Amino acid sequence: GYFYQRVAECRFSSKDLQGIEFIDSYVFNQVENIRFNSTVGKYVGYTEHGVYNAEAWNSDAGILAQERGELERYCKPTADIDY
C-alpha cells in the first residue's frame, strides 16, 4: 500500500507571536515531497515530483494567498490554546 500524509502545523518560538510560522507539509511513503513555510512565503520541493508541484503551485497567486493567510486565520487565533 501507499502512505500519504499532509501535516499543517504552527510553530511558536515565543508567547508574543513574533517568531510564529505556519508549515504545510506533504508526505508520500514517509518522504516529504513539498512544504509551504510562511517564513519563506512559498512552496519548496524536496523531490523531483515536489519540485515540479512547487513550481506549479508557486505560479498560482490564489494558492499562495490562501497559504499565506493561514498564519493569520489559523495560527494566531489558536496560539493561546497551544500555550
N, C-alpha and C. Protein backbone atom coordinates (compact mmCIF):
# COMPACT_ATOMS: atom_id res chain seq x y z
N GLY A 1 0.80 -1.18 0.00
CA GLY A 1 0.00 0.00 0.00
C GLY A 1 0.86 1.26 0.00
N TYR A 2 0.18 2.34 -0.10
CA TYR A 2 0.83 3.65 -0.14
C TYR A 2 0.44 4.45 1.10
N PHE A 3 1.32 5.34 1.48
CA PHE A 3 1.11 6.17 2.66
C PHE A 3 1.17 7.63 2.23
N TYR A 4 0.07 8.37 2.43
CA TYR A 4 0.03 9.80 2.12
C TYR A 4 -0.34 10.54 3.39
N GLN A 5 0.33 11.65 3.63
CA GLN A 5 0.05 12.44 4.82
C GLN A 5 0.25 13.91 4.50
N ARG A 6 -0.64 14.71 5.03
CA ARG A 6 -0.49 16.16 4.95
C ARG A 6 -0.51 16.69 6.38
N VAL A 7 0.52 17.43 6.73
CA VAL A 7 0.64 17.94 8.09
C VAL A 7 0.71 19.47 8.03
N ALA A 8 -0.23 20.11 8.69
CA ALA A 8 -0.22 21.57 8.83
C ALA A 8 0.05 21.87 10.30
N GLU A 9 1.05 22.69 10.54
CA GLU A 9 1.40 22.99 11.92
C GLU A 9 1.82 24.45 12.08
N CYS A 10 1.65 24.91 13.30
CA CYS A 10 2.09 26.25 13.67
C CYS A 10 3.25 26.08 14.65
N ARG A 11 4.32 26.79 14.41
CA ARG A 11 5.47 26.72 15.30
C ARG A 11 5.66 28.08 15.95
N PHE A 12 5.83 28.04 17.26
CA PHE A 12 5.98 29.27 18.06
C PHE A 12 7.33 29.25 18.74
N SER A 13 8.03 30.37 18.69
CA SER A 13 9.29 30.45 19.42
C SER A 13 9.15 31.33 20.66
N SER A 14 8.03 32.06 20.74
CA SER A 14 7.78 32.89 21.92
C SER A 14 6.29 33.12 22.06
N LYS A 15 5.87 33.48 23.25
CA LYS A 15 4.45 33.68 23.51
C LYS A 15 3.90 34.95 22.87
N ASP A 16 4.77 35.90 22.52
CA ASP A 16 4.29 37.16 21.93
C ASP A 16 4.07 37.06 20.42
N LEU A 17 4.19 35.87 19.85
CA LEU A 17 3.89 35.57 18.44
C LEU A 17 4.83 36.23 17.44
N GLN A 18 5.99 36.69 17.88
CA GLN A 18 6.94 37.30 16.95
C GLN A 18 7.58 36.26 16.05
N GLY A 19 7.85 35.08 16.57
CA GLY A 19 8.54 34.07 15.79
C GLY A 19 7.63 32.98 15.27
N ILE A 20 6.36 33.28 15.08
CA ILE A 20 5.40 32.27 14.67
C ILE A 20 5.56 31.97 13.18
N GLU A 21 5.41 30.68 12.82
CA GLU A 21 5.43 30.32 11.41
C GLU A 21 4.44 29.19 11.16
N PHE A 22 3.89 29.18 9.97
CA PHE A 22 2.95 28.15 9.54
C PHE A 22 3.67 27.25 8.54
N ILE A 23 3.58 25.93 8.75
CA ILE A 23 4.22 24.97 7.86
C ILE A 23 3.18 23.96 7.41
N ASP A 24 3.10 23.75 6.10
CA ASP A 24 2.17 22.81 5.49
C ASP A 24 3.00 21.82 4.67
N SER A 25 3.10 20.57 5.14
CA SER A 25 3.96 19.57 4.52
C SER A 25 3.15 18.47 3.86
N TYR A 26 3.62 17.99 2.73
CA TYR A 26 3.01 16.88 2.01
C TYR A 26 4.01 15.73 1.97
N VAL A 27 3.57 14.58 2.49
CA VAL A 27 4.46 13.41 2.65
C VAL A 27 3.85 12.24 1.89
N PHE A 28 4.70 11.53 1.14
CA PHE A 28 4.27 10.32 0.44
C PHE A 28 5.28 9.22 0.75
N ASN A 29 4.77 8.10 1.26
CA ASN A 29 5.63 6.97 1.66
C ASN A 29 6.78 7.41 2.56
N GLN A 30 6.46 8.22 3.54
CA GLN A 30 7.38 8.70 4.58
C GLN A 30 8.49 9.61 4.05
N VAL A 31 8.30 10.16 2.85
CA VAL A 31 9.26 11.11 2.28
C VAL A 31 8.53 12.43 2.06
N GLU A 32 9.05 13.49 2.65
CA GLU A 32 8.44 14.81 2.45
C GLU A 32 8.76 15.28 1.04
N ASN A 33 7.71 15.52 0.25
CA ASN A 33 7.87 15.94 -1.14
C ASN A 33 7.90 17.44 -1.30
N ILE A 34 7.04 18.11 -0.55
CA ILE A 34 6.87 19.55 -0.73
C ILE A 34 6.43 20.17 0.59
N ARG A 35 6.83 21.43 0.78
CA ARG A 35 6.48 22.13 2.02
C ARG A 35 6.25 23.61 1.72
N PHE A 36 5.19 24.14 2.37
CA PHE A 36 4.99 25.59 2.38
C PHE A 36 5.41 26.08 3.75
N ASN A 37 6.25 27.09 3.78
CA ASN A 37 6.70 27.70 5.03
C ASN A 37 6.36 29.17 4.95
N SER A 38 5.61 29.69 5.92
CA SER A 38 5.19 31.09 5.87
C SER A 38 6.38 32.05 5.99
N THR A 39 7.46 31.62 6.60
CA THR A 39 8.66 32.46 6.69
C THR A 39 9.28 32.64 5.32
N VAL A 40 9.32 31.57 4.53
CA VAL A 40 9.85 31.63 3.17
C VAL A 40 8.83 32.27 2.24
N GLY A 41 7.54 31.98 2.47
CA GLY A 41 6.46 32.58 1.69
C GLY A 41 6.14 31.88 0.39
N LYS A 42 6.66 30.66 0.22
CA LYS A 42 6.37 29.90 -1.00
C LYS A 42 6.59 28.42 -0.72
N TYR A 43 6.22 27.61 -1.71
CA TYR A 43 6.43 26.16 -1.63
C TYR A 43 7.86 25.83 -2.02
N VAL A 44 8.41 24.82 -1.35
CA VAL A 44 9.74 24.31 -1.67
C VAL A 44 9.61 22.81 -1.88
N GLY A 45 10.14 22.32 -3.00
CA GLY A 45 10.09 20.89 -3.30
C GLY A 45 11.37 20.20 -2.86
N TYR A 46 11.22 18.98 -2.35
CA TYR A 46 12.38 18.22 -1.87
C TYR A 46 12.65 16.98 -2.71
N THR A 47 11.74 16.63 -3.60
CA THR A 47 11.93 15.52 -4.52
C THR A 47 11.64 16.04 -5.92
N GLU A 48 11.89 15.22 -6.92
CA GLU A 48 11.63 15.64 -8.30
C GLU A 48 10.16 16.01 -8.49
N HIS A 49 9.27 15.17 -7.96
CA HIS A 49 7.84 15.45 -8.05
C HIS A 49 7.47 16.69 -7.23
N GLY A 50 8.10 16.85 -6.07
CA GLY A 50 7.85 18.01 -5.22
C GLY A 50 8.29 19.31 -5.86
N VAL A 51 9.43 19.30 -6.53
CA VAL A 51 9.92 20.50 -7.22
C VAL A 51 8.96 20.88 -8.34
N TYR A 52 8.48 19.88 -9.07
CA TYR A 52 7.51 20.12 -10.14
C TYR A 52 6.24 20.78 -9.60
N ASN A 53 5.70 20.22 -8.50
CA ASN A 53 4.49 20.78 -7.90
C ASN A 53 4.76 22.16 -7.30
N ALA A 54 5.90 22.36 -6.68
CA ALA A 54 6.23 23.65 -6.09
C ALA A 54 6.23 24.74 -7.15
N GLU A 55 6.81 24.46 -8.30
CA GLU A 55 6.84 25.45 -9.38
C GLU A 55 5.43 25.79 -9.84
N ALA A 56 4.58 24.76 -9.98
CA ALA A 56 3.20 24.98 -10.41
C ALA A 56 2.41 25.75 -9.37
N TRP A 57 2.51 25.35 -8.11
CA TRP A 57 1.74 25.99 -7.06
C TRP A 57 2.23 27.41 -6.77
N ASN A 58 3.53 27.65 -6.89
CA ASN A 58 4.06 29.00 -6.67
C ASN A 58 3.65 29.97 -7.77
N SER A 59 3.32 29.45 -8.93
CA SER A 59 2.90 30.34 -10.03
C SER A 59 1.42 30.68 -9.94
N ASP A 60 0.69 30.08 -9.02
CA ASP A 60 -0.74 30.34 -8.83
C ASP A 60 -0.92 31.28 -7.64
N ALA A 61 -1.23 32.54 -7.93
CA ALA A 61 -1.34 33.56 -6.88
C ALA A 61 -2.45 33.22 -5.87
N GLY A 62 -3.51 32.57 -6.31
CA GLY A 62 -4.61 32.22 -5.42
C GLY A 62 -4.20 31.20 -4.38
N ILE A 63 -3.45 30.19 -4.80
CA ILE A 63 -2.98 29.17 -3.86
C ILE A 63 -2.02 29.78 -2.84
N LEU A 64 -1.10 30.61 -3.32
CA LEU A 64 -0.14 31.24 -2.41
C LEU A 64 -0.84 32.16 -1.41
N ALA A 65 -1.82 32.94 -1.89
CA ALA A 65 -2.54 33.85 -1.00
C ALA A 65 -3.28 33.07 0.10
N GLN A 66 -3.86 31.93 -0.27
CA GLN A 66 -4.56 31.11 0.71
C GLN A 66 -3.59 30.58 1.76
N GLU A 67 -2.46 30.05 1.34
CA GLU A 67 -1.47 29.52 2.29
C GLU A 67 -0.91 30.62 3.17
N ARG A 68 -0.62 31.76 2.59
CA ARG A 68 -0.07 32.87 3.39
C ARG A 68 -1.07 33.37 4.42
N GLY A 69 -2.35 33.26 4.12
CA GLY A 69 -3.39 33.69 5.04
C GLY A 69 -3.60 32.76 6.22
N GLU A 70 -3.10 31.53 6.13
CA GLU A 70 -3.28 30.56 7.21
C GLU A 70 -2.60 30.99 8.51
N LEU A 71 -1.54 31.73 8.42
CA LEU A 71 -0.85 32.23 9.61
C LEU A 71 -1.80 33.10 10.43
N GLU A 72 -2.50 34.01 9.76
CA GLU A 72 -3.45 34.89 10.45
C GLU A 72 -4.75 34.18 10.80
N ARG A 73 -5.22 33.31 9.91
CA ARG A 73 -6.51 32.66 10.11
C ARG A 73 -6.45 31.53 11.13
N TYR A 74 -5.38 30.76 11.09
CA TYR A 74 -5.32 29.55 11.91
C TYR A 74 -4.34 29.65 13.08
N CYS A 75 -3.14 30.07 12.82
CA CYS A 75 -2.09 30.03 13.86
C CYS A 75 -2.29 31.06 14.97
N LYS A 76 -2.45 32.29 14.62
CA LYS A 76 -2.52 33.33 15.64
C LYS A 76 -3.73 33.20 16.56
N PRO A 77 -4.94 32.90 16.05
CA PRO A 77 -6.07 32.74 16.96
C PRO A 77 -5.96 31.54 17.90
N THR A 78 -5.23 30.51 17.52
CA THR A 78 -5.13 29.32 18.37
C THR A 78 -3.86 29.32 19.23
N ALA A 79 -3.07 30.35 19.17
CA ALA A 79 -1.82 30.39 19.93
C ALA A 79 -2.06 30.27 21.43
N ASP A 80 -3.06 30.95 21.95
CA ASP A 80 -3.34 30.88 23.38
C ASP A 80 -3.73 29.47 23.81
N ILE A 81 -4.43 28.74 22.97
CA ILE A 81 -4.80 27.37 23.30
C ILE A 81 -3.55 26.51 23.39
N ASP A 82 -2.62 26.72 22.45
CA ASP A 82 -1.39 25.91 22.45
C ASP A 82 -0.52 26.18 23.67
N TYR A 83 -0.53 27.43 24.14
CA TYR A 83 0.25 27.74 25.32
C TYR A 83 -0.51 27.37 26.57
